[in-house]
Amino acid sequence: DVQLQASGGGLVQAGASLRISCAASGLTFDDYAIGWYRQAPGKEREGVACISSVRSRTYYSDFAEGRFSISRDNARNTVTLQMNNLTPDDTAVYYCAALWLTANPDNLLSLIHQHADYWGRGTLVTVSS
């Protein structure tokens, strides 16, 4: 069975940093684009960042650009999202998703969101003011 396991969430204060990870199993990880998405209470799920399977091209939403950094370790089947300078607006459940795709389209973040082959259970990030 394919599993995506998100971990690393927690409670932090505004301005702090946090690193969350997505560990995958049961799939050919190298061929999958991986994305992070988040859903805050009362809001729709939105894209945060993603990383392609081809040369690990990275994509960021506007709010993540410059504060968050996504990376992947194919040897460990893991994608990590480093989040810096967190604000209360970053409070949400963060989910990772995987899409089999060996290309680098400009709209990869939305492609994964709409067509992901697999979703993991989320990890809660709470940022206090």
C-alpha atoms as a PDB file:
ATOM      1  CA  ASP A   1       0.000   0.000   0.000  1.00  0.00           C
ATOM      2  CA  VAL A   2       1.094   3.520  -0.728  1.00  0.00           C
ATOM      3  CA  GLN A   3       1.502   5.751   2.287  1.00  0.00           C
ATOM      4  CA  LEU A   4       2.393   9.394   2.679  1.00  0.00           C
ATOM      5  CA  GLN A   5       3.163  10.221   6.265  1.00  0.00           C
ATOM      6  CA  ALA A   6       3.403  13.872   7.242  1.00  0.00           C
ATOM      7  CA  SER A   7       5.142  14.745  10.476  1.00  0.00           C
ATOM      8  CA  GLY A   8       6.818  17.570  12.326  1.00  0.00           C
ATOM      9  CA  GLY A   9       3.885  19.836  13.053  1.00  0.00           C
ATOM     10  CA  GLY A  10       3.455  21.531  16.381  1.00  0.00           C
ATOM     11  CA  LEU A  11       2.861  24.720  18.294  1.00  0.00           C
ATOM     12  CA  VAL A  12       5.320  27.550  17.788  1.00  0.00           C
ATOM     13  CA  GLN A  13       5.383  31.269  18.396  1.00  0.00           C
ATOM     14  CA  ALA A  14       5.227  33.873  15.691  1.00  0.00           C
ATOM     15  CA  GLY A  15       8.593  34.410  14.090  1.00  0.00           C
ATOM     16  CA  ALA A  16       9.748  30.860  14.755  1.00  0.00           C
ATOM     17  CA  SER A  17      10.764  28.214  12.263  1.00  0.00           C
ATOM     18  CA  LEU A  18       9.448  24.714  11.787  1.00  0.00           C
ATOM     19  CA  ARG A  19      10.359  21.840   9.525  1.00  0.00           C
ATOM     20  CA  ILE A  20       7.751  19.342   8.424  1.00  0.00           C
ATOM     21  CA  SER A  21       8.392  16.174   6.489  1.00  0.00           C
ATOM     22  CA  CYS A  22       6.519  13.827   4.206  1.00  0.00           C
ATOM     23  CA  ALA A  23       7.755  10.253   4.140  1.00  0.00           C
ATOM     24  CA  ALA A  24       6.530   8.068   1.289  1.00  0.00           C
ATOM     25  CA  SER A  25       6.404   4.334   0.941  1.00  0.00           C
ATOM     26  CA  GLY A  26       5.004   1.856  -1.550  1.00  0.00           C
ATOM     27  CA  LEU A  27       5.678   3.927  -4.661  1.00  0.00           C
ATOM     28  CA  THR A  28       8.497   4.716  -7.061  1.00  0.00           C
ATOM     29  CA  PHE A  29       9.275   7.929  -5.277  1.00  0.00           C
ATOM     30  CA  ASP A  30      11.711   9.280  -7.868  1.00  0.00           C
ATOM     31  CA  ASP A  31       8.911   9.528 -10.467  1.00  0.00           C
ATOM     32  CA  TYR A  32       6.524  11.519  -8.318  1.00  0.00           C
ATOM     33  CA  ALA A  33       6.091  15.220  -7.926  1.00  0.00           C
ATOM     34  CA  ILE A  34       5.346  16.030  -4.295  1.00  0.00           C
ATOM     35  CA  GLY A  35       3.393  18.995  -3.028  1.00  0.00           C
ATOM     36  CA  TRP A  36       2.476  20.551   0.278  1.00  0.00           C
ATOM     37  CA  TYR A  37      -0.989  21.974   0.808  1.00  0.00           C
ATOM     38  CA  ARG A  38      -2.650  23.476   3.812  1.00  0.00           C
ATOM     39  CA  GLN A  39      -6.125  24.038   5.120  1.00  0.00           C
ATOM     40  CA  ALA A  40      -6.917  26.540   7.818  1.00  0.00           C
ATOM     41  CA  PRO A  41     -10.161  26.366   9.824  1.00  0.00           C
ATOM     42  CA  GLY A  42     -13.051  27.612   7.729  1.00  0.00           C
ATOM     43  CA  LYS A  43     -10.941  28.008   4.622  1.00  0.00           C
ATOM     44  CA  GLU A  44     -10.346  26.029   1.472  1.00  0.00           C
ATOM     45  CA  ARG A  45      -7.223  23.989   1.024  1.00  0.00           C
ATOM     46  CA  GLU A  46      -4.494  25.911  -0.761  1.00  0.00           C
ATOM     47  CA  GLY A  47      -1.160  25.133  -2.311  1.00  0.00           C
ATOM     48  CA  VAL A  48       2.019  25.919  -0.426  1.00  0.00           C
ATOM     49  CA  ALA A  49       4.940  24.514  -2.394  1.00  0.00           C
ATOM     50  CA  CYS A  50       5.891  21.571  -4.527  1.00  0.00           C
ATOM     51  CA  ILE A  51       8.913  19.901  -6.010  1.00  0.00           C
ATOM     52  CA  SER A  52       9.091  18.058  -9.287  1.00  0.00           C
ATOM     53  CA  SER A  53      10.565  14.682 -10.034  1.00  0.00           C
ATOM     54  CA  VAL A  54      12.724  16.132 -12.811  1.00  0.00           C
ATOM     55  CA  ARG A  55      15.791  17.928 -11.501  1.00  0.00           C
ATOM     56  CA  SER A  56      13.796  18.805  -8.374  1.00  0.00           C
ATOM     57  CA  ARG A  57      12.365  22.029  -9.710  1.00  0.00           C
ATOM     58  CA  THR A  58      10.625  23.918  -6.930  1.00  0.00           C
ATOM     59  CA  TYR A  59       7.460  25.967  -6.986  1.00  0.00           C
ATOM     60  CA  TYR A  60       6.049  28.255  -4.305  1.00  0.00           C
ATOM     61  CA  SER A  61       2.852  30.081  -3.688  1.00  0.00           C
ATOM     62  CA  ASP A  62       3.170  33.808  -3.228  1.00  0.00           C
ATOM     63  CA  PHE A  63       2.905  33.650   0.545  1.00  0.00           C
ATOM     64  CA  ALA A  64       5.549  30.933   0.770  1.00  0.00           C
ATOM     65  CA  GLU A  65       8.095  32.476  -1.563  1.00  0.00           C
ATOM     66  CA  GLY A  66      11.109  33.657   0.392  1.00  0.00           C
ATOM     67  CA  ARG A  67       9.968  32.166   3.719  1.00  0.00           C
ATOM     68  CA  PHE A  68       9.527  28.477   2.938  1.00  0.00           C
ATOM     69  CA  SER A  69      11.891  26.042   1.288  1.00  0.00           C
ATOM     70  CA  ILE A  70      11.006  22.631  -0.092  1.00  0.00           C
ATOM     71  CA  SER A  71      13.498  19.875  -0.769  1.00  0.00           C
ATOM     72  CA  ARG A  72      13.497  16.172  -1.466  1.00  0.00           C
ATOM     73  CA  ASP A  73      15.739  13.264  -0.590  1.00  0.00           C
ATOM     74  CA  ASN A  74      15.071  10.466  -3.047  1.00  0.00           C
ATOM     75  CA  ALA A  75      17.324   8.089  -1.154  1.00  0.00           C
ATOM     76  CA  ARG A  76      15.051   8.431   1.868  1.00  0.00           C
ATOM     77  CA  ASN A  77      11.753   8.914  -0.001  1.00  0.00           C
ATOM     78  CA  THR A  78      11.215  12.120   1.894  1.00  0.00           C
ATOM     79  CA  VAL A  79      10.204  15.675   1.100  1.00  0.00           C
ATOM     80  CA  THR A  80      10.834  18.382   3.660  1.00  0.00           C
ATOM     81  CA  LEU A  81       9.268  21.808   3.990  1.00  0.00           C
ATOM     82  CA  GLN A  82      11.319  24.301   5.970  1.00  0.00           C
ATOM     83  CA  MET A  83       9.123  27.148   7.175  1.00  0.00           C
ATOM     84  CA  ASN A  84      10.665  30.313   8.537  1.00  0.00           C
ATOM     85  CA  ASN A  85       9.288  33.481  10.069  1.00  0.00           C
ATOM     86  CA  LEU A  86       5.942  31.872  10.752  1.00  0.00           C
ATOM     87  CA  THR A  87       2.899  33.990  11.458  1.00  0.00           C
ATOM     88  CA  PRO A  88      -0.510  33.106  12.935  1.00  0.00           C
ATOM     89  CA  ASP A  89      -1.847  33.119   9.360  1.00  0.00           C
ATOM     90  CA  ASP A  90       0.251  30.018   8.727  1.00  0.00           C
ATOM     91  CA  THR A  91      -1.811  28.053  11.227  1.00  0.00           C
ATOM     92  CA  ALA A  92      -3.334  25.129   9.353  1.00  0.00           C
ATOM     93  CA  VAL A  93      -3.260  21.420   8.780  1.00  0.00           C
ATOM     94  CA  TYR A  94      -0.512  20.729   6.267  1.00  0.00           C
ATOM     95  CA  TYR A  95      -0.928  17.847   3.825  1.00  0.00           C
ATOM     96  CA  CYS A  96       1.459  16.300   1.354  1.00  0.00           C
ATOM     97  CA  ALA A  97       0.356  14.855  -1.956  1.00  0.00           C
ATOM     98  CA  ALA A  98       2.015  12.886  -4.736  1.00  0.00           C
ATOM     99  CA  LEU A  99       1.438  12.942  -8.475  1.00  0.00           C
ATOM    100  CA  TRP A 100       3.167  10.621 -10.920  1.00  0.00           C
ATOM    101  CA  LEU A 101       4.686  13.053 -13.389  1.00  0.00           C
ATOM    102  CA  THR A 102       8.086  13.246 -15.031  1.00  0.00           C
ATOM    103  CA  ALA A 103       7.844  16.787 -16.317  1.00  0.00           C
ATOM    104  CA  ASN A 104       8.142  20.367 -15.105  1.00  0.00           C
ATOM    105  CA  PRO A 105       4.988  22.223 -16.112  1.00  0.00           C
ATOM    106  CA  ASP A 106       4.616  25.756 -14.876  1.00  0.00           C
ATOM    107  CA  ASN A 107       1.343  24.913 -13.134  1.00  0.00           C
ATOM    108  CA  LEU A 108       2.654  21.921 -11.200  1.00  0.00           C
ATOM    109  CA  LEU A 109       1.385  23.158  -7.833  1.00  0.00           C
ATOM    110  CA  SER A 110      -2.214  23.277  -9.056  1.00  0.00           C
ATOM    111  CA  LEU A 111      -1.812  20.077 -11.095  1.00  0.00           C
ATOM    112  CA  ILE A 112      -0.881  18.093  -8.011  1.00  0.00           C
ATOM    113  CA  HIS A 113      -3.714  19.709  -6.085  1.00  0.00           C
ATOM    114  CA  GLN A 114      -6.271  18.699  -8.690  1.00  0.00           C
ATOM    115  CA  HIS A 115      -4.935  15.324  -9.814  1.00  0.00           C
ATOM    116  CA  ALA A 116      -2.822  13.876  -7.012  1.00  0.00           C
ATOM    117  CA  ASP A 117      -2.557  10.111  -7.007  1.00  0.00           C
ATOM    118  CA  TYR A 118      -2.099  10.039  -3.259  1.00  0.00           C
ATOM    119  CA  TRP A 119      -2.717  12.263  -0.258  1.00  0.00           C
ATOM    120  CA  GLY A 120      -1.304  11.878   3.181  1.00  0.00           C
ATOM    121  CA  ARG A 121      -2.906  12.657   6.470  1.00  0.00           C
ATOM    122  CA  GLY A 122      -2.062  16.106   7.628  1.00  0.00           C
ATOM    123  CA  THR A 123       0.116  17.487  10.328  1.00  0.00           C
ATOM    124  CA  LEU A 124      -1.144  20.415  12.365  1.00  0.00           C
ATOM    125  CA  VAL A 125       0.918  23.585  12.549  1.00  0.00           C
ATOM    126  CA  THR A 126      -0.215  26.166  15.071  1.00  0.00           C
ATOM    127  CA  VAL A 127       1.454  29.546  15.295  1.00  0.00           C
ATOM    128  CA  SER A 128       0.647  31.655  18.320  1.00  0.00           C
ATOM    129  CA  SER A 129       0.926  35.423  18.370  1.00  0.00           C
END
